[in-house]
């Protein structure tokens, strides 16, 4: 009987330790959820919408997804206070095959996740000679403008050229940017219609370099805000 009581005590102690460990984990998770900076990364197009199609058959939607996920990986690996959410993580989309409902769904998802920043990844298309990167933000969005400035500096240092500058949605209205009150930016990383640029964009080495430059721009801005 005494032996059984000792065994029961040991089991109770183990159970109490497990409850304590689980409890600490839950508290930390809740704290993380409540204190983290949330960045919503939107991989442009997807599902029914291929986006631009390159001469070699490459779909814009495939590139945007690869870049969006890579940027998100760098963001979360670089700062434990950053939580990344994605409007999509595969080519299966949750919204109807309708452009208007598609755009509204991306905006609503960002709001539902209570994101602090919104970044939409796209690739440009024009004549075969056009190249370079650019971004679109709201006219009064000082945060995104500052982030883009650092982003351009990072890209330039990494050898990714060239900076076509930043545009505002005053001249180029964009639903996903204009209908969010948080710092919101749509980045056109490069031209899918430029054969040489596309070859670089499809290389994993260039993708890692570009994604890291973009992620580091957000990290620098967020850390600066926390220091001020």
Protein backbone atom coordinates (compact mmCIF):
# COMPACT_ATOMS: atom_id res chain seq x y z
CA UNK A 1 0.00 0.00 0.00
CA UNK A 2 2.82 2.37 0.91
CA UNK A 3 4.54 1.53 -2.38
CA UNK A 4 1.37 2.36 -4.32
CA UNK A 5 1.06 5.71 -2.55
CA UNK A 6 4.63 6.57 -3.54
CA UNK A 7 3.90 5.66 -7.14
CA UNK A 8 0.74 7.76 -7.15
CA UNK A 9 2.69 10.71 -5.73
CA UNK A 10 5.31 10.36 -8.47
CA UNK A 11 2.60 10.27 -11.13
CA UNK A 12 0.92 13.35 -9.64
CA UNK A 13 4.24 15.23 -9.59
CA UNK A 14 4.86 14.34 -13.24
CA UNK A 15 1.34 15.45 -14.19
CA UNK A 16 1.74 18.73 -12.30
CA UNK A 17 5.02 19.36 -14.10
CA UNK A 18 3.37 18.69 -17.45
CA UNK A 19 0.50 21.05 -16.61
CA UNK A 20 3.01 23.71 -15.58
CA UNK A 21 5.02 23.34 -18.81
CA UNK A 22 1.88 23.40 -20.96
CA UNK A 23 0.56 26.39 -19.04
CA UNK A 24 3.76 28.36 -19.60
CA UNK A 25 3.61 27.49 -23.30
CA UNK A 26 0.01 28.67 -23.57
CA UNK A 27 0.81 31.94 -21.78
CA UNK A 28 3.77 32.56 -24.06
CA UNK A 29 1.66 31.80 -27.14
CA UNK A 30 -1.10 34.18 -26.03
CA UNK A 31 1.49 36.86 -25.30
CA UNK A 32 3.05 36.31 -28.72
CA UNK A 33 -0.32 36.52 -30.46
CA UNK A 34 -1.17 39.75 -28.68
CA UNK A 35 2.20 41.50 -28.93
CA UNK A 36 3.52 40.40 -32.32
CA UNK A 37 3.75 42.73 -35.28
CA UNK A 38 1.57 41.13 -37.95
CA UNK A 39 2.59 41.43 -41.59
CA UNK A 40 0.17 40.21 -44.22
CA UNK A 41 1.91 39.10 -47.39
CA UNK A 42 -0.28 38.81 -50.44
CA UNK A 43 0.96 36.68 -53.32
CA UNK A 44 -0.68 38.39 -56.29
CA UNK A 45 -3.12 36.51 -58.54
CA UNK A 46 -3.55 32.75 -57.97
CA UNK A 47 -6.04 30.05 -58.80
CA UNK A 48 -8.20 31.09 -61.75
CA UNK A 49 -6.04 34.20 -62.26
CA UNK A 50 -2.62 33.49 -63.80
CA UNK A 51 -1.52 37.10 -63.89
CA UNK A 52 0.94 37.99 -66.64
CA UNK A 53 2.30 35.14 -68.74
CA UNK A 54 5.90 35.20 -69.93
CA UNK A 55 6.99 34.16 -73.41
CA UNK A 56 8.29 30.86 -71.97
CA UNK A 57 4.91 30.15 -70.35
CA UNK A 58 5.83 31.17 -66.81
CA UNK A 59 2.81 32.36 -64.83
CA UNK A 60 3.10 35.46 -62.69
CA UNK A 61 1.02 33.75 -59.98
CA UNK A 62 3.71 31.08 -59.54
CA UNK A 63 6.48 33.62 -59.05
CA UNK A 64 4.46 35.76 -56.65
CA UNK A 65 3.78 32.77 -54.43
CA UNK A 66 7.42 31.68 -54.33
CA UNK A 67 8.59 35.20 -53.49
CA UNK A 68 5.86 35.85 -50.92
CA UNK A 69 6.68 32.70 -48.97
CA UNK A 70 10.42 33.36 -49.11
CA UNK A 71 9.98 36.91 -47.80
CA UNK A 72 7.77 35.63 -45.00
CA UNK A 73 10.33 33.01 -44.02
CA UNK A 74 13.06 35.65 -43.72
CA UNK A 75 10.81 37.98 -41.72
CA UNK A 76 9.90 35.41 -39.09
CA UNK A 77 13.43 34.02 -38.88
CA UNK A 78 14.94 37.47 -38.36
CA UNK A 79 12.62 38.82 -35.66
CA UNK A 80 10.66 36.69 -33.19
CA UNK A 81 8.28 39.61 -32.65
CA UNK A 82 7.05 39.41 -36.25
CA UNK A 83 4.18 37.13 -37.24
CA UNK A 84 3.50 36.61 -40.94
CA UNK A 85 0.13 35.71 -42.42
CA UNK A 86 -0.54 34.99 -46.09
CA UNK A 87 -3.60 35.61 -48.24
CA UNK A 88 -2.69 32.35 -49.95
CA UNK A 89 -0.03 29.68 -49.49
CA UNK A 90 -0.82 27.59 -52.56
CA UNK A 91 -2.50 27.93 -55.94
CA UNK A 92 -5.80 26.94 -54.34
CA UNK A 93 -7.65 30.13 -53.47
CA UNK A 94 -10.58 30.50 -51.09
CA UNK A 95 -12.39 33.24 -53.00
CA UNK A 96 -14.65 33.04 -56.08
CA UNK A 97 -13.31 33.30 -59.63
CA UNK A 98 -14.32 36.92 -59.79
CA UNK A 99 -11.86 39.82 -59.75
CA UNK A 100 -13.98 42.12 -57.59
CA UNK A 101 -14.70 39.45 -54.97
CA UNK A 102 -11.08 38.32 -55.18
CA UNK A 103 -9.71 41.76 -54.25
CA UNK A 104 -12.31 42.26 -51.51
CA UNK A 105 -11.41 38.88 -50.00
CA UNK A 106 -7.71 39.82 -49.78
CA UNK A 107 -8.54 43.09 -48.05
CA UNK A 108 -11.00 41.45 -45.67
CA UNK A 109 -8.52 38.72 -44.77
CA UNK A 110 -5.92 41.36 -43.91
CA UNK A 111 -8.43 43.13 -41.67
CA UNK A 112 -9.58 39.90 -40.02
CA UNK A 113 -5.97 39.05 -39.14
CA UNK A 114 -5.56 42.55 -37.68
CA UNK A 115 -2.39 43.03 -39.69
CA UNK A 116 -0.11 45.97 -38.99
CA UNK A 117 1.43 45.98 -42.48
CA UNK A 118 0.30 44.75 -45.88
CA UNK A 119 2.69 43.75 -48.68
CA UNK A 120 1.43 42.56 -52.06
CA UNK A 121 3.93 40.89 -54.39
CA UNK A 122 3.54 41.22 -58.17
CA UNK A 123 5.60 41.13 -61.36
CA UNK A 124 5.28 43.69 -64.12
CA UNK A 125 4.59 43.27 -67.83
CA UNK A 126 5.21 45.61 -70.76
CA UNK A 127 7.35 45.53 -73.88
CA UNK A 128 10.32 43.17 -73.88
CA UNK A 129 12.85 45.91 -73.15
CA UNK A 130 11.30 47.20 -69.91
CA UNK A 131 12.97 46.16 -66.66
CA UNK A 132 13.34 47.16 -63.01
CA UNK A 133 11.23 47.27 -59.87
CA UNK A 134 8.70 49.73 -58.50
CA UNK A 135 6.04 50.02 -55.80
CA UNK A 136 2.64 51.61 -55.24
CA UNK A 137 1.50 53.17 -51.96
CA UNK A 138 -1.09 55.66 -50.75
CA UNK A 139 -0.03 59.28 -51.04
CA UNK A 140 -0.06 59.86 -47.26
CA UNK A 141 1.53 56.51 -46.30
CA UNK A 142 4.81 57.73 -44.83
CA UNK A 143 5.65 54.33 -43.34
CA UNK A 144 5.51 52.45 -46.65
CA UNK A 145 7.45 55.21 -48.38
CA UNK A 146 10.20 54.92 -45.77
CA UNK A 147 10.21 51.13 -46.08
CA UNK A 148 10.47 51.35 -49.86
CA UNK A 149 13.41 53.76 -49.60
CA UNK A 150 15.31 51.23 -47.49
CA UNK A 151 14.16 48.41 -49.75
CA UNK A 152 15.56 50.18 -52.81
CA UNK A 153 18.86 50.79 -51.03
CA UNK A 154 19.05 47.12 -50.04
CA UNK A 155 18.27 45.96 -53.58
CA UNK A 156 20.83 48.34 -55.07
CA UNK A 157 23.53 47.08 -52.69
CA UNK A 158 22.66 43.51 -53.60
CA UNK A 159 23.05 44.27 -57.31
CA UNK A 160 19.38 44.11 -58.31
CA UNK A 161 18.73 46.99 -60.73
CA UNK A 162 17.04 49.19 -61.42
CA UNK A 163 14.81 51.34 -59.21
CA UNK A 164 11.93 52.72 -61.27
CA UNK A 165 10.79 54.71 -58.25
CA UNK A 166 7.69 54.74 -56.13
CA UNK A 167 4.22 55.63 -57.38
CA UNK A 168 1.14 56.66 -55.42
CA UNK A 169 -2.37 55.34 -55.86
CA UNK A 170 -3.53 58.90 -56.47
CA UNK A 171 -2.42 58.36 -60.06
CA UNK A 172 -2.72 54.56 -60.10
CA UNK A 173 -5.66 53.46 -57.92
CA UNK A 174 -5.28 49.97 -56.43
CA UNK A 175 -8.13 48.42 -54.47
CA UNK A 176 -5.96 46.32 -52.15
CA UNK A 177 -3.84 49.30 -51.16
CA UNK A 178 -6.49 52.02 -51.08
CA UNK A 179 -8.95 50.05 -48.94
CA UNK A 180 -6.61 49.37 -46.04
CA UNK A 181 -5.86 51.91 -43.30
CA UNK A 182 -2.53 50.28 -42.35
CA UNK A 183 0.79 50.84 -44.19
CA UNK A 184 0.19 49.04 -47.48
CA UNK A 185 2.43 48.49 -50.44
CA UNK A 186 2.21 46.67 -53.76
CA UNK A 187 5.66 45.83 -55.14
CA UNK A 188 6.34 44.99 -58.77
CA UNK A 189 9.59 43.05 -58.31
CA UNK A 190 10.58 42.94 -61.97
CA UNK A 191 9.34 42.42 -65.52
CA UNK A 192 8.15 38.97 -66.44
CA UNK A 193 8.08 40.09 -70.08
CA UNK A 194 11.82 40.83 -70.13
CA UNK A 195 13.58 37.57 -71.04
CA UNK A 196 16.84 38.39 -69.28
CA UNK A 197 15.18 39.72 -66.15
CA UNK A 198 12.84 36.74 -65.99
CA UNK A 199 15.79 34.34 -66.13
CA UNK A 200 17.28 36.10 -63.11
CA UNK A 201 13.96 36.23 -61.26
CA UNK A 202 13.54 32.47 -61.67
CA UNK A 203 16.97 31.69 -60.22
CA UNK A 204 16.87 30.70 -56.56
CA UNK A 205 19.99 32.74 -55.81
CA UNK A 206 18.44 35.97 -57.09
CA UNK A 207 15.13 35.15 -55.40
CA UNK A 208 16.83 34.73 -52.02
CA UNK A 209 18.78 37.97 -52.46
CA UNK A 210 15.72 39.99 -53.48
CA UNK A 211 13.47 38.52 -50.79
CA UNK A 212 16.04 39.15 -48.10
CA UNK A 213 16.43 42.77 -49.23
CA UNK A 214 12.66 43.29 -49.04
CA UNK A 215 12.30 41.54 -45.68
CA UNK A 216 15.20 43.48 -44.17
CA UNK A 217 13.55 46.78 -45.14
CA UNK A 218 10.51 45.90 -43.03
CA UNK A 219 12.64 44.57 -40.18
CA UNK A 220 14.73 47.77 -40.09
CA UNK A 221 11.63 49.97 -40.04
CA UNK A 222 9.82 47.94 -37.36
CA UNK A 223 12.87 47.78 -35.10
CA UNK A 224 13.41 51.52 -35.50
CA UNK A 225 9.81 52.15 -34.42
CA UNK A 226 10.25 49.99 -31.32
CA UNK A 227 13.47 51.83 -30.40
CA UNK A 228 11.91 55.30 -30.69
